[in-house]
């Protein structure tokens, strides 16, 4: 199993001024158009902000989405080998940056 530590990778996003400003874009420069153009416009994001105001008050706090799904690459269910890819998406970046 390969393990990539998440914390140093997230910290590296804030070492550059350019990426740091992109990571805080959702709270500082975002314009509200009244439609969902980014996850920050969704009801789920706003509901989370209401439930956790201390977390939402600092724009540097990172929100990520995690997805995983197991599959058997050789289509032989008798094998003990399976692969579980994990995808992590950072929700803070602007839509034209992703």
PDB file of N, CA and C in Angstrom:
ATOM      1  N   UNK A   1       0.843  -1.179   0.000  1.00  0.00           N
ATOM      2  CA  UNK A   1       0.000   0.000   0.000  1.00  0.00           C
ATOM      3  C   UNK A   1       0.885   1.238   0.000  1.00  0.00           C
ATOM      4  N   UNK A   2       0.555   2.170  -0.837  1.00  0.00           N
ATOM      5  CA  UNK A   2       1.275   3.438  -0.857  1.00  0.00           C
ATOM      6  C   UNK A   2       0.519   4.443  -0.004  1.00  0.00           C
ATOM      7  N   UNK A   3       1.268   5.217   0.702  1.00  0.00           N
ATOM      8  CA  UNK A   3       0.665   6.215   1.571  1.00  0.00           C
ATOM      9  C   UNK A   3       1.300   7.563   1.266  1.00  0.00           C
ATOM     10  N   UNK A   4       0.496   8.511   0.913  1.00  0.00           N
ATOM     11  CA  UNK A   4       0.953   9.871   0.705  1.00  0.00           C
ATOM     12  C   UNK A   4       0.350  10.720   1.811  1.00  0.00           C
ATOM     13  N   UNK A   5       1.202  11.248   2.662  1.00  0.00           N
ATOM     14  CA  UNK A   5       0.687  12.033   3.783  1.00  0.00           C
ATOM     15  C   UNK A   5       0.012  13.298   3.260  1.00  0.00           C
ATOM     16  N   UNK A   6      -1.145  13.575   3.778  1.00  0.00           N
ATOM     17  CA  UNK A   6      -1.970  14.673   3.305  1.00  0.00           C
ATOM     18  C   UNK A   6      -1.544  16.020   3.887  1.00  0.00           C
ATOM     19  N   UNK A   7      -1.200  16.040   5.154  1.00  0.00           N
ATOM     20  CA  UNK A   7      -0.902  17.313   5.824  1.00  0.00           C
ATOM     21  C   UNK A   7       0.252  18.080   5.168  1.00  0.00           C
ATOM     22  N   UNK A   8       1.407  17.473   4.890  1.00  0.00           N
ATOM     23  CA  UNK A   8       2.475  18.246   4.235  1.00  0.00           C
ATOM     24  C   UNK A   8       2.094  18.722   2.837  1.00  0.00           C
ATOM     25  N   UNK A   9       1.288  17.962   2.119  1.00  0.00           N
ATOM     26  CA  UNK A   9       0.862  18.373   0.788  1.00  0.00           C
ATOM     27  C   UNK A   9      -0.074  19.584   0.856  1.00  0.00           C
ATOM     28  N   UNK A  10      -0.949  19.601   1.840  1.00  0.00           N
ATOM     29  CA  UNK A  10      -1.825  20.758   2.010  1.00  0.00           C
ATOM     30  C   UNK A  10      -1.040  21.977   2.479  1.00  0.00           C
ATOM     31  N   UNK A  11      -0.070  21.762   3.356  1.00  0.00           N
ATOM     32  CA  UNK A  11       0.755  22.875   3.819  1.00  0.00           C
ATOM     33  C   UNK A  11       1.551  23.480   2.666  1.00  0.00           C
ATOM     34  N   UNK A  12       1.971  22.649   1.727  1.00  0.00           N
ATOM     35  CA  UNK A  12       2.739  23.129   0.582  1.00  0.00           C
ATOM     36  C   UNK A  12       1.913  24.062  -0.299  1.00  0.00           C
ATOM     37  N   UNK A  13       0.587  23.878  -0.311  1.00  0.00           N
ATOM     38  CA  UNK A  13      -0.268  24.770  -1.090  1.00  0.00           C
ATOM     39  C   UNK A  13      -0.236  26.206  -0.566  1.00  0.00           C
ATOM     40  N   UNK A  14       0.072  26.371   0.719  1.00  0.00           N
ATOM     41  CA  UNK A  14       0.097  27.701   1.314  1.00  0.00           C
ATOM     42  C   UNK A  14       1.498  28.314   1.353  1.00  0.00           C
ATOM     43  N   UNK A  15       2.510  27.624   0.829  1.00  0.00           N
ATOM     44  CA  UNK A  15       3.863  28.187   0.841  1.00  0.00           C
ATOM     45  C   UNK A  15       4.063  29.226  -0.262  1.00  0.00           C
ATOM     46  N   UNK A  16       3.365  29.078  -1.355  1.00  0.00           N
ATOM     47  CA  UNK A  16       3.458  30.041  -2.451  1.00  0.00           C
ATOM     48  C   UNK A  16       2.335  31.071  -2.315  1.00  0.00           C
ATOM     49  N   UNK A  17       2.660  32.328  -2.585  1.00  0.00           N
ATOM     50  CA  UNK A  17       1.642  33.380  -2.482  1.00  0.00           C
ATOM     51  C   UNK A  17       0.505  33.139  -3.473  1.00  0.00           C
ATOM     52  N   UNK A  18       0.852  32.679  -4.673  1.00  0.00           N
ATOM     53  CA  UNK A  18      -0.161  32.463  -5.705  1.00  0.00           C
ATOM     54  C   UNK A  18      -1.141  31.357  -5.316  1.00  0.00           C
ATOM     55  N   UNK A  19      -0.620  30.214  -4.897  1.00  0.00           N
ATOM     56  CA  UNK A  19      -1.542  29.128  -4.518  1.00  0.00           C
ATOM     57  C   UNK A  19      -2.261  29.427  -3.217  1.00  0.00           C
ATOM     58  N   UNK A  20      -1.615  30.162  -2.314  1.00  0.00           N
ATOM     59  CA  UNK A  20      -2.284  30.528  -1.060  1.00  0.00           C
ATOM     60  C   UNK A  20      -3.480  31.433  -1.339  1.00  0.00           C
ATOM     61  N   UNK A  21      -3.315  32.368  -2.268  1.00  0.00           N
ATOM     62  CA  UNK A  21      -4.445  33.240  -2.590  1.00  0.00           C
ATOM     63  C   UNK A  21      -5.552  32.465  -3.299  1.00  0.00           C
ATOM     64  N   UNK A  22      -5.185  31.470  -4.103  1.00  0.00           N
ATOM     65  CA  UNK A  22      -6.195  30.630  -4.750  1.00  0.00           C
ATOM     66  C   UNK A  22      -6.950  29.776  -3.729  1.00  0.00           C
ATOM     67  N   UNK A  23      -6.242  29.327  -2.690  1.00  0.00           N
ATOM     68  CA  UNK A  23      -6.886  28.509  -1.655  1.00  0.00           C
ATOM     69  C   UNK A  23      -7.866  29.325  -0.817  1.00  0.00           C
ATOM     70  N   UNK A  24      -7.673  30.633  -0.734  1.00  0.00           N
ATOM     71  CA  UNK A  24      -8.569  31.477   0.050  1.00  0.00           C
ATOM     72  C   UNK A  24      -9.540  32.270  -0.816  1.00  0.00           C
ATOM     73  N   UNK A  25      -9.526  32.009  -2.106  1.00  0.00           N
ATOM     74  CA  UNK A  25     -10.372  32.703  -3.070  1.00  0.00           C
ATOM     75  C   UNK A  25     -11.854  32.620  -2.716  1.00  0.00           C
ATOM     76  N   UNK A  26     -12.289  31.477  -2.239  1.00  0.00           N
ATOM     77  CA  UNK A  26     -13.718  31.266  -1.985  1.00  0.00           C
ATOM     78  C   UNK A  26     -14.268  32.208  -0.915  1.00  0.00           C
ATOM     79  N   UNK A  27     -13.412  32.719  -0.042  1.00  0.00           N
ATOM     80  CA  UNK A  27     -13.891  33.590   1.016  1.00  0.00           C
ATOM     81  C   UNK A  27     -13.577  35.053   0.813  1.00  0.00           C
ATOM     82  N   UNK A  28     -12.603  35.342  -0.050  1.00  0.00           N
ATOM     83  CA  UNK A  28     -12.171  36.728  -0.194  1.00  0.00           C
ATOM     84  C   UNK A  28     -12.622  37.387  -1.498  1.00  0.00           C
ATOM     85  N   UNK A  29     -12.534  36.676  -2.611  1.00  0.00           N
ATOM     86  CA  UNK A  29     -12.772  37.305  -3.907  1.00  0.00           C
ATOM     87  C   UNK A  29     -13.994  36.771  -4.657  1.00  0.00           C
ATOM     88  N   UNK A  30     -14.683  35.831  -4.106  1.00  0.00           N
ATOM     89  CA  UNK A  30     -15.806  35.202  -4.809  1.00  0.00           C
ATOM     90  C   UNK A  30     -16.977  36.168  -4.919  1.00  0.00           C
ATOM     91  N   UNK A  31     -17.590  36.172  -6.082  1.00  0.00           N
ATOM     92  CA  UNK A  31     -18.786  36.975  -6.292  1.00  0.00           C
ATOM     93  C   UNK A  31     -19.991  36.048  -6.240  1.00  0.00           C
ATOM     94  N   UNK A  32     -21.060  36.515  -5.638  1.00  0.00           N
ATOM     95  CA  UNK A  32     -22.275  35.712  -5.526  1.00  0.00           C
ATOM     96  C   UNK A  32     -23.186  36.027  -6.708  1.00  0.00           C
ATOM     97  N   UNK A  33     -23.358  35.054  -7.591  1.00  0.00           N
ATOM     98  CA  UNK A  33     -24.195  35.241  -8.772  1.00  0.00           C
ATOM     99  C   UNK A  33     -25.608  34.703  -8.583  1.00  0.00           C
ATOM    100  N   UNK A  34     -25.860  34.065  -7.457  1.00  0.00           N
ATOM    101  CA  UNK A  34     -27.189  33.526  -7.192  1.00  0.00           C
ATOM    102  C   UNK A  34     -27.429  32.144  -7.791  1.00  0.00           C
ATOM    103  N   UNK A  35     -26.427  31.579  -8.438  1.00  0.00           N
ATOM    104  CA  UNK A  35     -26.511  30.225  -8.990  1.00  0.00           C
ATOM    105  C   UNK A  35     -25.297  29.435  -8.502  1.00  0.00           C
ATOM    106  N   UNK A  36     -25.380  28.129  -8.616  1.00  0.00           N
ATOM    107  CA  UNK A  36     -24.275  27.287  -8.177  1.00  0.00           C
ATOM    108  C   UNK A  36     -23.228  27.231  -9.288  1.00  0.00           C
ATOM    109  N   UNK A  37     -22.114  27.887  -9.054  1.00  0.00           N
ATOM    110  CA  UNK A  37     -20.991  27.869  -9.992  1.00  0.00           C
ATOM    111  C   UNK A  37     -19.782  27.190  -9.388  1.00  0.00           C
ATOM    112  N   UNK A  38     -19.834  26.939  -8.082  1.00  0.00           N
ATOM    113  CA  UNK A  38     -18.713  26.365  -7.345  1.00  0.00           C
ATOM    114  C   UNK A  38     -19.311  25.688  -6.111  1.00  0.00           C
ATOM    115  N   UNK A  39     -18.644  24.681  -5.530  1.00  0.00           N
ATOM    116  CA  UNK A  39     -19.192  24.054  -4.317  1.00  0.00           C
ATOM    117  C   UNK A  39     -19.486  25.024  -3.178  1.00  0.00           C
ATOM    118  N   UNK A  40     -18.804  26.174  -3.133  1.00  0.00           N
ATOM    119  CA  UNK A  40     -19.074  27.153  -2.077  1.00  0.00           C
ATOM    120  C   UNK A  40     -20.488  27.717  -2.186  1.00  0.00           C
ATOM    121  N   UNK A  41     -21.092  27.661  -3.363  1.00  0.00           N
ATOM    122  CA  UNK A  41     -22.454  28.164  -3.565  1.00  0.00           C
ATOM    123  C   UNK A  41     -23.529  27.153  -3.177  1.00  0.00           C
ATOM    124  N   UNK A  42     -23.144  25.930  -2.864  1.00  0.00           N
ATOM    125  CA  UNK A  42     -24.127  24.876  -2.603  1.00  0.00           C
ATOM    126  C   UNK A  42     -24.748  25.007  -1.212  1.00  0.00           C
ATOM    127  N   UNK A  43     -25.898  24.405  -1.069  1.00  0.00           N
ATOM    128  CA  UNK A  43     -26.590  24.412   0.227  1.00  0.00           C
ATOM    129  C   UNK A  43     -25.808  23.621   1.271  1.00  0.00           C
ATOM    130  N   UNK A  44     -25.126  22.566   0.851  1.00  0.00           N
ATOM    131  CA  UNK A  44     -24.336  21.766   1.782  1.00  0.00           C
ATOM    132  C   UNK A  44     -23.204  22.558   2.404  1.00  0.00           C
ATOM    133  N   UNK A  45     -22.532  23.371   1.598  1.00  0.00           N
ATOM    134  CA  UNK A  45     -21.434  24.210   2.101  1.00  0.00           C
ATOM    135  C   UNK A  45     -21.982  25.229   3.092  1.00  0.00           C
ATOM    136  N   UNK A  46     -23.099  25.858   2.742  1.00  0.00           N
ATOM    137  CA  UNK A  46     -23.692  26.877   3.614  1.00  0.00           C
ATOM    138  C   UNK A  46     -24.224  26.275   4.910  1.00  0.00           C
ATOM    139  N   UNK A  47     -24.791  25.069   4.820  1.00  0.00           N
ATOM    140  CA  UNK A  47     -25.276  24.385   6.011  1.00  0.00           C
ATOM    141  C   UNK A  47     -24.113  24.026   6.933  1.00  0.00           C
ATOM    142  N   UNK A  48     -23.005  23.580   6.358  1.00  0.00           N
ATOM    143  CA  UNK A  48     -21.819  23.263   7.149  1.00  0.00           C
ATOM    144  C   UNK A  48     -21.298  24.517   7.849  1.00  0.00           C
ATOM    145  N   UNK A  49     -21.313  25.651   7.141  1.00  0.00           N
ATOM    146  CA  UNK A  49     -20.876  26.910   7.744  1.00  0.00           C
ATOM    147  C   UNK A  49     -21.743  27.301   8.943  1.00  0.00           C
ATOM    148  N   UNK A  50     -23.047  27.056   8.853  1.00  0.00           N
ATOM    149  CA  UNK A  50     -23.942  27.370   9.965  1.00  0.00           C
ATOM    150  C   UNK A  50     -23.703  26.459  11.157  1.00  0.00           C
ATOM    151  N   UNK A  51     -23.431  25.179  10.893  1.00  0.00           N
ATOM    152  CA  UNK A  51     -23.220  24.215  11.981  1.00  0.00           C
ATOM    153  C   UNK A  51     -21.849  24.360  12.632  1.00  0.00           C
ATOM    154  N   UNK A  52     -20.871  24.823  11.873  1.00  0.00           N
ATOM    155  CA  UNK A  52     -19.497  24.938  12.382  1.00  0.00           C
ATOM    156  C   UNK A  52     -18.949  26.334  12.098  1.00  0.00           C
ATOM    157  N   UNK A  53     -19.455  27.354  12.771  1.00  0.00           N
ATOM    158  CA  UNK A  53     -19.023  28.732  12.481  1.00  0.00           C
ATOM    159  C   UNK A  53     -17.550  28.985  12.797  1.00  0.00           C
ATOM    160  N   UNK A  54     -17.002  28.294  13.795  1.00  0.00           N
ATOM    161  CA  UNK A  54     -15.590  28.500  14.117  1.00  0.00           C
ATOM    162  C   UNK A  54     -14.699  28.022  12.974  1.00  0.00           C
ATOM    163  N   UNK A  55     -15.026  26.884  12.387  1.00  0.00           N
ATOM    164  CA  UNK A  55     -14.273  26.359  11.246  1.00  0.00           C
ATOM    165  C   UNK A  55     -14.451  27.262  10.023  1.00  0.00           C
ATOM    166  N   UNK A  56     -15.656  27.720   9.797  1.00  0.00           N
ATOM    167  CA  UNK A  56     -15.957  28.523   8.611  1.00  0.00           C
ATOM    168  C   UNK A  56     -15.370  29.933   8.697  1.00  0.00           C
ATOM    169  N   UNK A  57     -15.060  30.403   9.897  1.00  0.00           N
ATOM    170  CA  UNK A  57     -14.570  31.775  10.042  1.00  0.00           C
ATOM    171  C   UNK A  57     -13.163  31.965   9.489  1.00  0.00           C
ATOM    172  N   UNK A  58     -12.371  30.906   9.425  1.00  0.00           N
ATOM    173  CA  UNK A  58     -11.016  31.004   8.886  1.00  0.00           C
ATOM    174  C   UNK A  58     -11.006  30.419   7.476  1.00  0.00           C
ATOM    175  N   UNK A  59     -10.738  31.248   6.488  1.00  0.00           N
ATOM    176  CA  UNK A  59     -10.776  30.813   5.095  1.00  0.00           C
ATOM    177  C   UNK A  59      -9.651  29.854   4.747  1.00  0.00           C
ATOM    178  N   UNK A  60      -8.648  29.743   5.615  1.00  0.00           N
ATOM    179  CA  UNK A  60      -7.539  28.823   5.346  1.00  0.00           C
ATOM    180  C   UNK A  60      -7.885  27.381   5.677  1.00  0.00           C
ATOM    181  N   UNK A  61      -8.949  27.147   6.423  1.00  0.00           N
ATOM    182  CA  UNK A  61      -9.362  25.775   6.705  1.00  0.00           C
ATOM    183  C   UNK A  61      -9.776  25.093   5.400  1.00  0.00           C
ATOM    184  N   UNK A  62      -9.250  23.909   5.188  1.00  0.00           N
ATOM    185  CA  UNK A  62      -9.387  23.227   3.903  1.00  0.00           C
ATOM    186  C   UNK A  62     -10.542  22.228   3.956  1.00  0.00           C
ATOM    187  N   UNK A  63     -11.364  22.269   2.925  1.00  0.00           N
ATOM    188  CA  UNK A  63     -12.451  21.298   2.754  1.00  0.00           C
ATOM    189  C   UNK A  63     -12.096  20.402   1.584  1.00  0.00           C
ATOM    190  N   UNK A  64     -12.152  19.105   1.840  1.00  0.00           N
ATOM    191  CA  UNK A  64     -11.790  18.150   0.801  1.00  0.00           C
ATOM    192  C   UNK A  64     -12.898  17.134   0.615  1.00  0.00           C
ATOM    193  N   UNK A  65     -12.943  16.581  -0.561  1.00  0.00           N
ATOM    194  CA  UNK A  65     -13.847  15.484  -0.857  1.00  0.00           C
ATOM    195  C   UNK A  65     -13.022  14.226  -1.054  1.00  0.00           C
ATOM    196  N   UNK A  66     -13.491  13.127  -0.528  1.00  0.00           N
ATOM    197  CA  UNK A  66     -12.773  11.862  -0.611  1.00  0.00           C
ATOM    198  C   UNK A  66     -13.666  10.829  -1.276  1.00  0.00           C
ATOM    199  N   UNK A  67     -13.140  10.148  -2.256  1.00  0.00           N
ATOM    200  CA  UNK A  67     -13.895   9.107  -2.936  1.00  0.00           C
ATOM    201  C   UNK A  67     -13.005   7.882  -3.105  1.00  0.00           C
ATOM    202  N   UNK A  68     -13.564   6.717  -2.904  1.00  0.00           N
ATOM    203  CA  UNK A  68     -12.825   5.481  -3.140  1.00  0.00           C
ATOM    204  C   UNK A  68     -13.791   4.421  -3.632  1.00  0.00           C
ATOM    205  N   UNK A  69     -13.271   3.514  -4.398  1.00  0.00           N
ATOM    206  CA  UNK A  69     -14.081   2.426  -4.915  1.00  0.00           C
ATOM    207  C   UNK A  69     -13.159   1.256  -5.201  1.00  0.00           C
ATOM    208  N   UNK A  70     -13.517   0.090  -4.719  1.00  0.00           N
ATOM    209  CA  UNK A  70     -12.690  -1.091  -4.931  1.00  0.00           C
ATOM    210  C   UNK A  70     -13.058  -1.803  -6.208  1.00  0.00           C
ATOM    211  N   UNK A  71     -12.061  -2.364  -6.858  1.00  0.00           N
ATOM    212  CA  UNK A  71     -12.316  -3.169  -8.044  1.00  0.00           C
ATOM    213  C   UNK A  71     -11.255  -4.247  -8.144  1.00  0.00           C
ATOM    214  N   UNK A  72     -11.557  -5.275  -8.863  1.00  0.00           N
ATOM    215  CA  UNK A  72     -10.649  -6.378  -9.088  1.00  0.00           C
ATOM    216  C   UNK A  72     -10.108  -6.227 -10.507  1.00  0.00           C
ATOM    217  N   UNK A  73      -8.823  -5.887 -10.674  1.00  0.00           N
ATOM    218  CA  UNK A  73      -8.318  -5.547 -12.000  1.00  0.00           C
ATOM    219  C   UNK A  73      -8.277  -6.706 -12.993  1.00  0.00           C
ATOM    220  N   UNK A  74      -8.282  -7.942 -12.507  1.00  0.00           N
ATOM    221  CA  UNK A  74      -8.170  -9.080 -13.413  1.00  0.00           C
ATOM    222  C   UNK A  74      -9.481  -9.826 -13.601  1.00  0.00           C
ATOM    223  N   UNK A  75     -10.553  -9.296 -13.049  1.00  0.00           N
ATOM    224  CA  UNK A  75     -11.912  -9.852 -13.174  1.00  0.00           C
ATOM    225  C   UNK A  75     -12.015 -11.303 -12.712  1.00  0.00           C
ATOM    226  N   UNK A  76     -11.217 -11.638 -11.766  1.00  0.00           N
ATOM    227  CA  UNK A  76     -11.275 -12.972 -11.190  1.00  0.00           C
ATOM    228  C   UNK A  76     -11.547 -12.799  -9.703  1.00  0.00           C
ATOM    229  N   UNK A  77     -12.769 -13.038  -9.302  1.00  0.00           N
ATOM    230  CA  UNK A  77     -13.178 -12.758  -7.927  1.00  0.00           C
ATOM    231  C   UNK A  77     -12.569 -13.726  -6.919  1.00  0.00           C
ATOM    232  N   UNK A  78     -11.921 -14.810  -7.384  1.00  0.00           N
ATOM    233  CA  UNK A  78     -11.303 -15.759  -6.462  1.00  0.00           C
ATOM    234  C   UNK A  78      -9.949 -15.290  -5.958  1.00  0.00           C
ATOM    235  N   UNK A  79      -9.385 -14.294  -6.601  1.00  0.00           N
ATOM    236  CA  UNK A  79      -8.096 -13.772  -6.162  1.00  0.00           C
ATOM    237  C   UNK A  79      -8.264 -12.907  -4.922  1.00  0.00           C
ATOM    238  N   UNK A  80      -7.264 -12.914  -4.098  1.00  0.00           N
ATOM    239  CA  UNK A  80      -7.329 -12.074  -2.898  1.00  0.00           C
ATOM    240  C   UNK A  80      -6.873 -10.647  -3.196  1.00  0.00           C
ATOM    241  N   UNK A  81      -6.423 -10.401  -4.420  1.00  0.00           N
ATOM    242  CA  UNK A  81      -5.945  -9.062  -4.781  1.00  0.00           C
ATOM    243  C   UNK A  81      -7.114  -8.164  -5.169  1.00  0.00           C
ATOM    244  N   UNK A  82      -7.118  -6.984  -4.624  1.00  0.00           N
ATOM    245  CA  UNK A  82      -8.077  -5.972  -5.040  1.00  0.00           C
ATOM    246  C   UNK A  82      -7.382  -4.616  -4.998  1.00  0.00           C
ATOM    247  N   UNK A  83      -7.880  -3.707  -5.751  1.00  0.00           N
ATOM    248  CA  UNK A  83      -7.296  -2.373  -5.827  1.00  0.00           C
ATOM    249  C   UNK A  83      -8.319  -1.369  -5.347  1.00  0.00           C
ATOM    250  N   UNK A  84      -7.877  -0.459  -4.488  1.00  0.00           N
ATOM    251  CA  UNK A  84      -8.761   0.576  -3.957  1.00  0.00           C
ATOM    252  C   UNK A  84      -8.136   1.943  -4.206  1.00  0.00           C
ATOM    253  N   UNK A  85      -8.420   2.530  -5.342  1.00  0.00           N
ATOM    254  CA  UNK A  85      -7.897   3.880  -5.559  1.00  0.00           C
ATOM    255  C   UNK A  85      -8.664   4.891  -4.701  1.00  0.00           C
ATOM    256  N   UNK A  86      -7.945   5.860  -4.224  1.00  0.00           N
ATOM    257  CA  UNK A  86      -8.540   6.918  -3.404  1.00  0.00           C
ATOM    258  C   UNK A  86      -8.271   8.250  -4.099  1.00  0.00           C
ATOM    259  N   UNK A  87      -9.321   9.022  -4.294  1.00  0.00           N
ATOM    260  CA  UNK A  87      -9.208  10.319  -4.936  1.00  0.00           C
ATOM    261  C   UNK A  87      -9.598  11.387  -3.918  1.00  0.00           C
ATOM    262  N   UNK A  88      -8.746  12.375  -3.776  1.00  0.00           N
ATOM    263  CA  UNK A  88      -9.027  13.487  -2.867  1.00  0.00           C
ATOM    264  C   UNK A  88      -9.070  14.765  -3.698  1.00  0.00           C
ATOM    265  N   UNK A  89     -10.152  15.496  -3.562  1.00  0.00           N
ATOM    266  CA  UNK A  89     -10.342  16.737  -4.316  1.00  0.00           C
ATOM    267  C   UNK A  89     -10.439  17.894  -3.337  1.00  0.00           C
ATOM    268  N   UNK A  90      -9.688  18.939  -3.597  1.00  0.00           N
ATOM    269  CA  UNK A  90      -9.746  20.139  -2.767  1.00  0.00           C
ATOM    270  C   UNK A  90     -10.829  21.037  -3.338  1.00  0.00           C
ATOM    271  N   UNK A  91     -11.783  21.426  -2.506  1.00  0.00           N
ATOM    272  CA  UNK A  91     -12.913  22.226  -2.959  1.00  0.00           C
ATOM    273  C   UNK A  91     -12.641  23.728  -2.990  1.00  0.00           C
ATOM    274  N   UNK A  92     -11.539  24.169  -2.459  1.00  0.00           N
ATOM    275  CA  UNK A  92     -11.282  25.595  -2.331  1.00  0.00           C
ATOM    276  C   UNK A  92     -10.862  26.274  -3.615  1.00  0.00           C
ATOM    277  N   UNK A  93     -10.241  25.559  -4.520  1.00  0.00           N
ATOM    278  CA  UNK A  93      -9.685  26.191  -5.720  1.00  0.00           C
ATOM    279  C   UNK A  93     -10.782  26.708  -6.638  1.00  0.00           C
ATOM    280  N   UNK A  94     -10.549  27.821  -7.316  1.00  0.00           N
ATOM    281  CA  UNK A  94     -11.546  28.354  -8.244  1.00  0.00           C
ATOM    282  C   UNK A  94     -11.774  27.404  -9.409  1.00  0.00           C
ATOM    283  N   UNK A  95     -12.937  27.508 -10.028  1.00  0.00           N
ATOM    284  CA  UNK A  95     -13.303  26.581 -11.095  1.00  0.00           C
ATOM    285  C   UNK A  95     -12.398  26.694 -12.301  1.00  0.00           C
ATOM    286  N   UNK A  96     -11.795  27.824 -12.561  1.00  0.00           N
ATOM    287  CA  UNK A  96     -10.911  27.944 -13.718  1.00  0.00           C
ATOM    288  C   UNK A  96      -9.484  27.485 -13.416  1.00  0.00           C
ATOM    289  N   UNK A  97      -9.230  27.090 -12.185  1.00  0.00           N
ATOM    290  CA  UNK A  97      -7.904  26.637 -11.785  1.00  0.00           C
ATOM    291  C   UNK A  97      -7.811  25.119 -11.794  1.00  0.00           C
ATOM    292  N   UNK A  98      -8.918  24.431 -11.669  1.00  0.00           N
ATOM    293  CA  UNK A  98      -8.929  22.980 -11.512  1.00  0.00           C
ATOM    294  C   UNK A  98      -8.673  22.288 -12.812  1.00  0.00           C
TER     295      UNK A  98
END
